[in-house]
Amino acid sequence: MTLPLEAQEWLDGGGLPIHCTSKLRVLRENEEELRQVIKEACMDALLMGVAPGYLRQRMEQLMAEMLSEAVKSDSRAGAAGGEALGNDD
């Protein structure tokens, strides 16, 4: 049985749970903001007649593109030696 998304742990690049409270707070706040925006966008699209399967496909494509851009941006920042939040695990 899969836990609800909000009950699942955030994992780092090595697959280990993130324990830093400031990082978890930011991740949870971002997730809640995204949840609200995505919910509104989905409701709008469905009200305008977009097929649910196509909406899912578009959202998955959007997420894949955004993640790809973020990974590229993060690798450039890492090469410059910067990290957004300190590691106070």
PDB file of N, CA and C in Angstrom:
ATOM      1  N   MET A   1       0.833  -1.186   0.000  1.00  0.00           N
ATOM      2  CA  MET A   1       0.000   0.000   0.000  1.00  0.00           C
ATOM      3  C   MET A   1       0.879   1.252   0.000  1.00  0.00           C
ATOM      4  N   THR A   2       0.586   2.175  -0.879  1.00  0.00           N
ATOM      5  CA  THR A   2       1.355   3.405  -0.992  1.00  0.00           C
ATOM      6  C   THR A   2       0.782   4.466  -0.062  1.00  0.00           C
ATOM      7  N   LEU A   3       1.665   5.147   0.644  1.00  0.00           N
ATOM      8  CA  LEU A   3       1.245   6.231   1.530  1.00  0.00           C
ATOM      9  C   LEU A   3       0.784   7.432   0.714  1.00  0.00           C
ATOM     10  N   PRO A   4      -0.112   8.252   1.269  1.00  0.00           N
ATOM     11  CA  PRO A   4      -0.466   9.500   0.585  1.00  0.00           C
ATOM     12  C   PRO A   4       0.803  10.333   0.364  1.00  0.00           C
ATOM     13  N   LEU A   5       0.814  11.104  -0.690  1.00  0.00           N
ATOM     14  CA  LEU A   5       2.006  11.873  -1.055  1.00  0.00           C
ATOM     15  C   LEU A   5       2.536  12.705   0.105  1.00  0.00           C
ATOM     16  N   GLU A   6       1.647  13.376   0.835  1.00  0.00           N
ATOM     17  CA  GLU A   6       2.099  14.246   1.920  1.00  0.00           C
ATOM     18  C   GLU A   6       2.717  13.466   3.087  1.00  0.00           C
ATOM     19  N   ALA A   7       2.483  12.162   3.173  1.00  0.00           N
ATOM     20  CA  ALA A   7       3.049  11.335   4.240  1.00  0.00           C
ATOM     21  C   ALA A   7       4.365  10.679   3.823  1.00  0.00           C
ATOM     22  N   GLN A   8       4.714  10.777   2.555  1.00  0.00           N
ATOM     23  CA  GLN A   8       5.937  10.156   2.071  1.00  0.00           C
ATOM     24  C   GLN A   8       7.146  11.027   2.390  1.00  0.00           C
ATOM     25  N   GLU A   9       8.282  10.368   2.595  1.00  0.00           N
ATOM     26  CA  GLU A   9       9.518  11.084   2.872  1.00  0.00           C
ATOM     27  C   GLU A   9      10.098  11.666   1.584  1.00  0.00           C
ATOM     28  N   TRP A  10      10.852  12.745   1.730  1.00  0.00           N
ATOM     29  CA  TRP A  10      11.625  13.289   0.619  1.00  0.00           C
ATOM     30  C   TRP A  10      12.969  12.590   0.642  1.00  0.00           C
ATOM     31  N   LEU A  11      13.431  12.148  -0.526  1.00  0.00           N
ATOM     32  CA  LEU A  11      14.686  11.410  -0.617  1.00  0.00           C
ATOM     33  C   LEU A  11      15.755  12.236  -1.314  1.00  0.00           C
ATOM     34  N   ASP A  12      17.002  12.048  -0.871  1.00  0.00           N
ATOM     35  CA  ASP A  12      18.114  12.743  -1.512  1.00  0.00           C
ATOM     36  C   ASP A  12      18.596  11.950  -2.724  1.00  0.00           C
ATOM     37  N   GLY A  13      19.657  12.426  -3.347  1.00  0.00           N
ATOM     38  CA  GLY A  13      20.185  11.788  -4.555  1.00  0.00           C
ATOM     39  C   GLY A  13      20.642  10.356  -4.346  1.00  0.00           C
ATOM     40  N   GLY A  14      20.952   9.994  -3.104  1.00  0.00           N
ATOM     41  CA  GLY A  14      21.373   8.635  -2.792  1.00  0.00           C
ATOM     42  C   GLY A  14      20.231   7.738  -2.356  1.00  0.00           C
ATOM     43  N   GLY A  15      19.007   8.299  -2.367  1.00  0.00           N
ATOM     44  CA  GLY A  15      17.843   7.513  -1.971  1.00  0.00           C
ATOM     45  C   GLY A  15      17.576   7.492  -0.479  1.00  0.00           C
ATOM     46  N   LEU A  16      18.297   8.321   0.284  1.00  0.00           N
ATOM     47  CA  LEU A  16      18.117   8.376   1.728  1.00  0.00           C
ATOM     48  C   LEU A  16      17.162   9.507   2.108  1.00  0.00           C
ATOM     49  N   PRO A  17      16.400   9.325   3.179  1.00  0.00           N
ATOM     50  CA  PRO A  17      15.462  10.376   3.605  1.00  0.00           C
ATOM     51  C   PRO A  17      16.184  11.663   3.995  1.00  0.00           C
ATOM     52  N   ILE A  18      15.591  12.781   3.631  1.00  0.00           N
ATOM     53  CA  ILE A  18      16.105  14.087   4.033  1.00  0.00           C
ATOM     54  C   ILE A  18      15.552  14.384   5.421  1.00  0.00           C
ATOM     55  N   HIS A  19      16.433  14.779   6.346  1.00  0.00           N
ATOM     56  CA  HIS A  19      16.015  15.033   7.720  1.00  0.00           C
ATOM     57  C   HIS A  19      16.120  16.508   8.119  1.00  0.00           C
ATOM     58  N   CYS A  20      16.794  17.302   7.339  1.00  0.00           N
ATOM     59  CA  CYS A  20      16.987  18.720   7.644  1.00  0.00           C
ATOM     60  C   CYS A  20      15.625  19.420   7.697  1.00  0.00           C
ATOM     61  N   THR A  21      15.286  19.995   8.855  1.00  0.00           N
ATOM     62  CA  THR A  21      13.961  20.586   9.034  1.00  0.00           C
ATOM     63  C   THR A  21      13.714  21.783   8.126  1.00  0.00           C
ATOM     64  N   SER A  22      14.732  22.593   7.876  1.00  0.00           N
ATOM     65  CA  SER A  22      14.518  23.753   7.006  1.00  0.00           C
ATOM     66  C   SER A  22      14.283  23.317   5.559  1.00  0.00           C
ATOM     67  N   LYS A  23      14.999  22.297   5.115  1.00  0.00           N
ATOM     68  CA  LYS A  23      14.782  21.776   3.765  1.00  0.00           C
ATOM     69  C   LYS A  23      13.393  21.164   3.654  1.00  0.00           C
ATOM     70  N   LEU A  24      12.997  20.388   4.660  1.00  0.00           N
ATOM     71  CA  LEU A  24      11.674  19.761   4.638  1.00  0.00           C
ATOM     72  C   LEU A  24      10.558  20.795   4.649  1.00  0.00           C
ATOM     73  N   ARG A  25      10.744  21.862   5.411  1.00  0.00           N
ATOM     74  CA  ARG A  25       9.736  22.928   5.459  1.00  0.00           C
ATOM     75  C   ARG A  25       9.555  23.553   4.077  1.00  0.00           C
ATOM     76  N   VAL A  26      10.652  23.866   3.402  1.00  0.00           N
ATOM     77  CA  VAL A  26      10.592  24.463   2.065  1.00  0.00           C
ATOM     78  C   VAL A  26       9.948  23.493   1.081  1.00  0.00           C
ATOM     79  N   LEU A  27      10.359  22.231   1.125  1.00  0.00           N
ATOM     80  CA  LEU A  27       9.801  21.228   0.210  1.00  0.00           C
ATOM     81  C   LEU A  27       8.296  21.067   0.415  1.00  0.00           C
ATOM     82  N   ARG A  28       7.857  21.029   1.666  1.00  0.00           N
ATOM     83  CA  ARG A  28       6.428  20.874   1.953  1.00  0.00           C
ATOM     84  C   ARG A  28       5.630  22.113   1.537  1.00  0.00           C
ATOM     85  N   GLU A  29       6.190  23.290   1.785  1.00  0.00           N
ATOM     86  CA  GLU A  29       5.506  24.519   1.365  1.00  0.00           C
ATOM     87  C   GLU A  29       5.395  24.580  -0.156  1.00  0.00           C
ATOM     88  N   ASN A  30       6.470  24.239  -0.852  1.00  0.00           N
ATOM     89  CA  ASN A  30       6.445  24.235  -2.321  1.00  0.00           C
ATOM     90  C   ASN A  30       5.436  23.228  -2.838  1.00  0.00           C
ATOM     91  N   GLU A  31       5.395  22.058  -2.215  1.00  0.00           N
ATOM     92  CA  GLU A  31       4.452  21.031  -2.647  1.00  0.00           C
ATOM     93  C   GLU A  31       3.011  21.501  -2.472  1.00  0.00           C
ATOM     94  N   GLU A  32       2.717  22.159  -1.369  1.00  0.00           N
ATOM     95  CA  GLU A  32       1.359  22.645  -1.135  1.00  0.00           C
ATOM     96  C   GLU A  32       0.975  23.724  -2.150  1.00  0.00           C
ATOM     97  N   GLU A  33       1.910  24.632  -2.447  1.00  0.00           N
ATOM     98  CA  GLU A  33       1.645  25.667  -3.447  1.00  0.00           C
ATOM     99  C   GLU A  33       1.393  25.035  -4.818  1.00  0.00           C
ATOM    100  N   LEU A  34       2.237  24.078  -5.189  1.00  0.00           N
ATOM    101  CA  LEU A  34       2.066  23.390  -6.478  1.00  0.00           C
ATOM    102  C   LEU A  34       0.739  22.649  -6.535  1.00  0.00           C
ATOM    103  N   ARG A  35       0.391  21.989  -5.446  1.00  0.00           N
ATOM    104  CA  ARG A  35      -0.865  21.240  -5.396  1.00  0.00           C
ATOM    105  C   ARG A  35      -2.051  22.158  -5.711  1.00  0.00           C
ATOM    106  N   GLN A  36      -2.056  23.355  -5.142  1.00  0.00           N
ATOM    107  CA  GLN A  36      -3.166  24.285  -5.353  1.00  0.00           C
ATOM    108  C   GLN A  36      -3.196  24.787  -6.806  1.00  0.00           C
ATOM    109  N   VAL A  37      -2.044  25.167  -7.337  1.00  0.00           N
ATOM    110  CA  VAL A  37      -1.978  25.677  -8.712  1.00  0.00           C
ATOM    111  C   VAL A  37      -2.367  24.586  -9.706  1.00  0.00           C
ATOM    112  N   ILE A  38      -1.853  23.374  -9.492  1.00  0.00           N
ATOM    113  CA  ILE A  38      -2.171  22.268 -10.404  1.00  0.00           C
ATOM    114  C   ILE A  38      -3.649  21.928 -10.333  1.00  0.00           C
ATOM    115  N   LYS A  39      -4.209  21.923  -9.136  1.00  0.00           N
ATOM    116  CA  LYS A  39      -5.634  21.629  -8.984  1.00  0.00           C
ATOM    117  C   LYS A  39      -6.478  22.622  -9.769  1.00  0.00           C
ATOM    118  N   GLU A  40      -6.162  23.910  -9.645  1.00  0.00           N
ATOM    119  CA  GLU A  40      -6.910  24.941 -10.367  1.00  0.00           C
ATOM    120  C   GLU A  40      -6.743  24.801 -11.877  1.00  0.00           C
ATOM    121  N   ALA A  41      -5.519  24.518 -12.327  1.00  0.00           N
ATOM    122  CA  ALA A  41      -5.262  24.352 -13.759  1.00  0.00           C
ATOM    123  C   ALA A  41      -6.024  23.148 -14.308  1.00  0.00           C
ATOM    124  N   CYS A  42      -6.045  22.060 -13.555  1.00  0.00           N
ATOM    125  CA  CYS A  42      -6.781  20.861 -13.997  1.00  0.00           C
ATOM    126  C   CYS A  42      -8.276  21.138 -14.059  1.00  0.00           C
ATOM    127  N   MET A  43      -8.798  21.792 -13.054  1.00  0.00           N
ATOM    128  CA  MET A  43     -10.229  22.101 -13.051  1.00  0.00           C
ATOM    129  C   MET A  43     -10.587  22.984 -14.241  1.00  0.00           C
ATOM    130  N   ASP A  44      -9.768  23.993 -14.509  1.00  0.00           N
ATOM    131  CA  ASP A  44     -10.013  24.868 -15.663  1.00  0.00           C
ATOM    132  C   ASP A  44      -9.997  24.066 -16.960  1.00  0.00           C
ATOM    133  N   ALA A  45      -8.967  23.236 -17.132  1.00  0.00           N
ATOM    134  CA  ALA A  45      -8.837  22.466 -18.366  1.00  0.00           C
ATOM    135  C   ALA A  45     -10.024  21.527 -18.560  1.00  0.00           C
ATOM    136  N   LEU A  46     -10.431  20.854 -17.494  1.00  0.00           N
ATOM    137  CA  LEU A  46     -11.565  19.940 -17.601  1.00  0.00           C
ATOM    138  C   LEU A  46     -12.858  20.682 -17.903  1.00  0.00           C
ATOM    139  N   LEU A  47     -13.036  21.851 -17.287  1.00  0.00           N
ATOM    140  CA  LEU A  47     -14.218  22.657 -17.567  1.00  0.00           C
ATOM    141  C   LEU A  47     -14.260  23.116 -19.019  1.00  0.00           C
ATOM    142  N   MET A  48     -13.075  23.272 -19.631  1.00  0.00           N
ATOM    143  CA  MET A  48     -12.997  23.698 -21.032  1.00  0.00           C
ATOM    144  C   MET A  48     -13.026  22.525 -21.995  1.00  0.00           C
ATOM    145  N   GLY A  49     -13.218  21.306 -21.456  1.00  0.00           N
ATOM    146  CA  GLY A  49     -13.395  20.148 -22.304  1.00  0.00           C
ATOM    147  C   GLY A  49     -12.153  19.358 -22.648  1.00  0.00           C
ATOM    148  N   VAL A  50     -11.039  19.632 -21.997  1.00  0.00           N
ATOM    149  CA  VAL A  50      -9.822  18.860 -22.271  1.00  0.00           C
ATOM    150  C   VAL A  50     -10.021  17.439 -21.745  1.00  0.00           C
ATOM    151  N   ALA A  51      -9.630  16.458 -22.516  1.00  0.00           N
ATOM    152  CA  ALA A  51      -9.740  15.061 -22.107  1.00  0.00           C
ATOM    153  C   ALA A  51      -8.798  14.795 -20.933  1.00  0.00           C
ATOM    154  N   PRO A  52      -9.271  14.106 -19.891  1.00  0.00           N
ATOM    155  CA  PRO A  52      -8.426  13.843 -18.723  1.00  0.00           C
ATOM    156  C   PRO A  52      -7.102  13.159 -19.061  1.00  0.00           C
ATOM    157  N   GLY A  53      -7.121  12.189 -19.972  1.00  0.00           N
ATOM    158  CA  GLY A  53      -5.887  11.507 -20.354  1.00  0.00           C
ATOM    159  C   GLY A  53      -4.889  12.440 -21.022  1.00  0.00           C
ATOM    160  N   TYR A  54      -5.407  13.331 -21.865  1.00  0.00           N
ATOM    161  CA  TYR A  54      -4.528  14.290 -22.536  1.00  0.00           C
ATOM    162  C   TYR A  54      -3.978  15.302 -21.532  1.00  0.00           C
ATOM    163  N   LEU A  55      -4.808  15.706 -20.585  1.00  0.00           N
ATOM    164  CA  LEU A  55      -4.358  16.639 -19.542  1.00  0.00           C
ATOM    165  C   LEU A  55      -3.216  16.019 -18.748  1.00  0.00           C
ATOM    166  N   ARG A  56      -3.368  14.759 -18.372  1.00  0.00           N
ATOM    167  CA  ARG A  56      -2.299  14.068 -17.633  1.00  0.00           C
ATOM    168  C   ARG A  56      -1.017  14.038 -18.468  1.00  0.00           C
ATOM    169  N   GLN A  57      -1.154  13.713 -19.755  1.00  0.00           N
ATOM    170  CA  GLN A  57       0.004  13.654 -20.644  1.00  0.00           C
ATOM    171  C   GLN A  57       0.712  15.003 -20.696  1.00  0.00           C
ATOM    172  N   ARG A  58      -0.067  16.078 -20.840  1.00  0.00           N
ATOM    173  CA  ARG A  58       0.535  17.416 -20.896  1.00  0.00           C
ATOM    174  C   ARG A  58       1.227  17.778 -19.590  1.00  0.00           C
ATOM    175  N   MET A  59       0.589  17.457 -18.467  1.00  0.00           N
ATOM    176  CA  MET A  59       1.181  17.766 -17.158  1.00  0.00           C
ATOM    177  C   MET A  59       2.462  16.972 -16.932  1.00  0.00           C
ATOM    178  N   GLU A  60       2.469  15.703 -17.337  1.00  0.00           N
ATOM    179  CA  GLU A  60       3.677  14.890 -17.208  1.00  0.00           C
ATOM    180  C   GLU A  60       4.801  15.433 -18.083  1.00  0.00           C
ATOM    181  N   GLN A  61       4.455  15.860 -19.295  1.00  0.00           N
ATOM    182  CA  GLN A  61       5.455  16.441 -20.192  1.00  0.00           C
ATOM    183  C   GLN A  61       6.004  17.737 -19.604  1.00  0.00           C
ATOM    184  N   LEU A  62       5.131  18.565 -19.075  1.00  0.00           N
ATOM    185  CA  LEU A  62       5.549  19.816 -18.450  1.00  0.00           C
ATOM    186  C   LEU A  62       6.495  19.548 -17.279  1.00  0.00           C
ATOM    187  N   MET A  63       6.136  18.579 -16.435  1.00  0.00           N
ATOM    188  CA  MET A  63       6.974  18.254 -15.285  1.00  0.00           C
ATOM    189  C   MET A  63       8.330  17.729 -15.729  1.00  0.00           C
ATOM    190  N   ALA A  64       8.351  16.876 -16.751  1.00  0.00           N
ATOM    191  CA  ALA A  64       9.613  16.340 -17.265  1.00  0.00           C
ATOM    192  C   ALA A  64      10.505  17.467 -17.785  1.00  0.00           C
ATOM    193  N   GLU A  65       9.922  18.415 -18.509  1.00  0.00           N
ATOM    194  CA  GLU A  65      10.693  19.542 -19.036  1.00  0.00           C
ATOM    195  C   GLU A  65      11.232  20.409 -17.902  1.00  0.00           C
ATOM    196  N   MET A  66      10.388  20.681 -16.916  1.00  0.00           N
ATOM    197  CA  MET A  66      10.810  21.532 -15.799  1.00  0.00           C
ATOM    198  C   MET A  66      11.916  20.863 -14.980  1.00  0.00           C
ATOM    199  N   LEU A  67      11.788  19.556 -14.765  1.00  0.00           N
ATOM    200  CA  LEU A  67      12.806  18.832 -14.019  1.00  0.00           C
ATOM    201  C   LEU A  67      14.127  18.820 -14.772  1.00  0.00           C
ATOM    202  N   SER A  68      14.056  18.618 -16.075  1.00  0.00           N
ATOM    203  CA  SER A  68      15.262  18.627 -16.896  1.00  0.00           C
ATOM    204  C   SER A  68      15.975  19.975 -16.804  1.00  0.00           C
ATOM    205  N   GLU A  69      15.202  21.064 -16.899  1.00  0.00           N
ATOM    206  CA  GLU A  69      15.784  22.401 -16.779  1.00  0.00           C
ATOM    207  C   GLU A  69      16.385  22.623 -15.400  1.00  0.00           C
ATOM    208  N   ALA A  70      15.702  22.161 -14.355  1.00  0.00           N
ATOM    209  CA  ALA A  70      16.190  22.345 -12.989  1.00  0.00           C
ATOM    210  C   ALA A  70      17.476  21.567 -12.761  1.00  0.00           C
ATOM    211  N   VAL A  71      17.563  20.350 -13.301  1.00  0.00           N
ATOM    212  CA  VAL A  71      18.767  19.540 -13.144  1.00  0.00           C
ATOM    213  C   VAL A  71      19.938  20.213 -13.844  1.00  0.00           C
ATOM    214  N   LYS A  72      19.711  20.728 -15.047  1.00  0.00           N
ATOM    215  CA  LYS A  72      20.767  21.434 -15.772  1.00  0.00           C
ATOM    216  C   LYS A  72      21.219  22.656 -14.984  1.00  0.00           C
ATOM    217  N   SER A  73      20.265  23.402 -14.471  1.00  0.00           N
ATOM    218  CA  SER A  73      20.570  24.609 -13.707  1.00  0.00           C
ATOM    219  C   SER A  73      21.324  24.261 -12.426  1.00  0.00           C
ATOM    220  N   ASP A  74      20.909  23.191 -11.751  1.00  0.00           N
ATOM    221  CA  ASP A  74      21.546  22.763 -10.509  1.00  0.00           C
ATOM    222  C   ASP A  74      22.975  22.305 -10.755  1.00  0.00           C
ATOM    223  N   SER A  75      23.199  21.607 -11.857  1.00  0.00           N
ATOM    224  CA  SER A  75      24.551  21.122 -12.139  1.00  0.00           C
ATOM    225  C   SER A  75      25.479  22.290 -12.456  1.00  0.00           C
ATOM    226  N   ARG A  76      24.945  23.324 -13.086  1.00  0.00           N
ATOM    227  CA  ARG A  76      25.757  24.526 -13.333  1.00  0.00           C
ATOM    228  C   ARG A  76      26.059  25.232 -12.022  1.00  0.00           C
ATOM    229  N   ALA A  77      25.077  25.320 -11.128  1.00  0.00           N
ATOM    230  CA  ALA A  77      25.280  25.977  -9.840  1.00  0.00           C
ATOM    231  C   ALA A  77      26.267  25.179  -8.993  1.00  0.00           C
ATOM    232  N   GLY A  78      26.147  23.839  -9.042  1.00  0.00           N
ATOM    233  CA  GLY A  78      27.060  22.986  -8.285  1.00  0.00           C
ATOM    234  C   GLY A  78      28.489  23.139  -8.753  1.00  0.00           C
ATOM    235  N   ALA A  79      28.662  23.310 -10.054  1.00  0.00           N
ATOM    236  CA  ALA A  79      30.001  23.501 -10.607  1.00  0.00           C
ATOM    237  C   ALA A  79      30.597  24.821 -10.137  1.00  0.00           C
ATOM    238  N   ALA A  80      29.719  25.785  -9.841  1.00  0.00           N
ATOM    239  CA  ALA A  80      30.184  27.085  -9.361  1.00  0.00           C
ATOM    240  C   ALA A  80      30.392  27.068  -7.851  1.00  0.00           C
ATOM    241  N   GLY A  81      30.006  25.956  -7.192  1.00  0.00           N
ATOM    242  CA  GLY A  81      30.236  25.823  -5.757  1.00  0.00           C
ATOM    243  C   GLY A  81      29.107  26.327  -4.903  1.00  0.00           C
ATOM    244  N   GLY A  82      27.937  26.654  -5.487  1.00  0.00           N
ATOM    245  CA  GLY A  82      26.843  27.187  -4.688  1.00  0.00           C
ATOM    246  C   GLY A  82      25.815  26.140  -4.346  1.00  0.00           C
ATOM    247  N   GLU A  83      25.210  26.285  -3.148  1.00  0.00           N
ATOM    248  CA  GLU A  83      24.110  25.418  -2.730  1.00  0.00           C
ATOM    249  C   GLU A  83      23.065  26.317  -2.103  1.00  0.00           C
ATOM    250  N   ALA A  84      21.791  26.130  -2.497  1.00  0.00           N
ATOM    251  CA  ALA A  84      20.709  27.011  -2.061  1.00  0.00           C
ATOM    252  C   ALA A  84      20.512  26.993  -0.550  1.00  0.00           C
ATOM    253  N   LEU A  85      20.451  25.808   0.040  1.00  0.00           N
ATOM    254  CA  LEU A  85      20.277  25.688   1.482  1.00  0.00           C
ATOM    255  C   LEU A  85      21.461  24.927   2.047  1.00  0.00           C
ATOM    256  N   GLY A  86      21.909  25.350   3.186  1.00  0.00           N
ATOM    257  CA  GLY A  86      23.028  24.662   3.818  1.00  0.00           C
ATOM    258  C   GLY A  86      22.673  23.255   4.213  1.00  0.00           C
ATOM    259  N   ASN A  87      23.661  22.477   4.543  1.00  0.00           N
ATOM    260  CA  ASN A  87      23.446  21.088   4.922  1.00  0.00           C
ATOM    261  C   ASN A  87      23.501  20.978   6.433  1.00  0.00           C
ATOM    262  N   ASP A  88      22.378  21.275   7.086  1.00  0.00           N
ATOM    263  CA  ASP A  88      22.329  21.225   8.548  1.00  0.00           C
ATOM    264  C   ASP A  88      21.547  20.024   9.028  1.00  0.00           C
ATOM    265  N   ASP A  89      21.833  18.871   8.399  1.00  0.00           N
ATOM    266  CA  ASP A  89      21.126  17.624   8.739  1.00  0.00           C
ATOM    267  C   ASP A  89      21.353  17.223  10.162  1.00  0.00           C
TER     268      ASP A  89
END
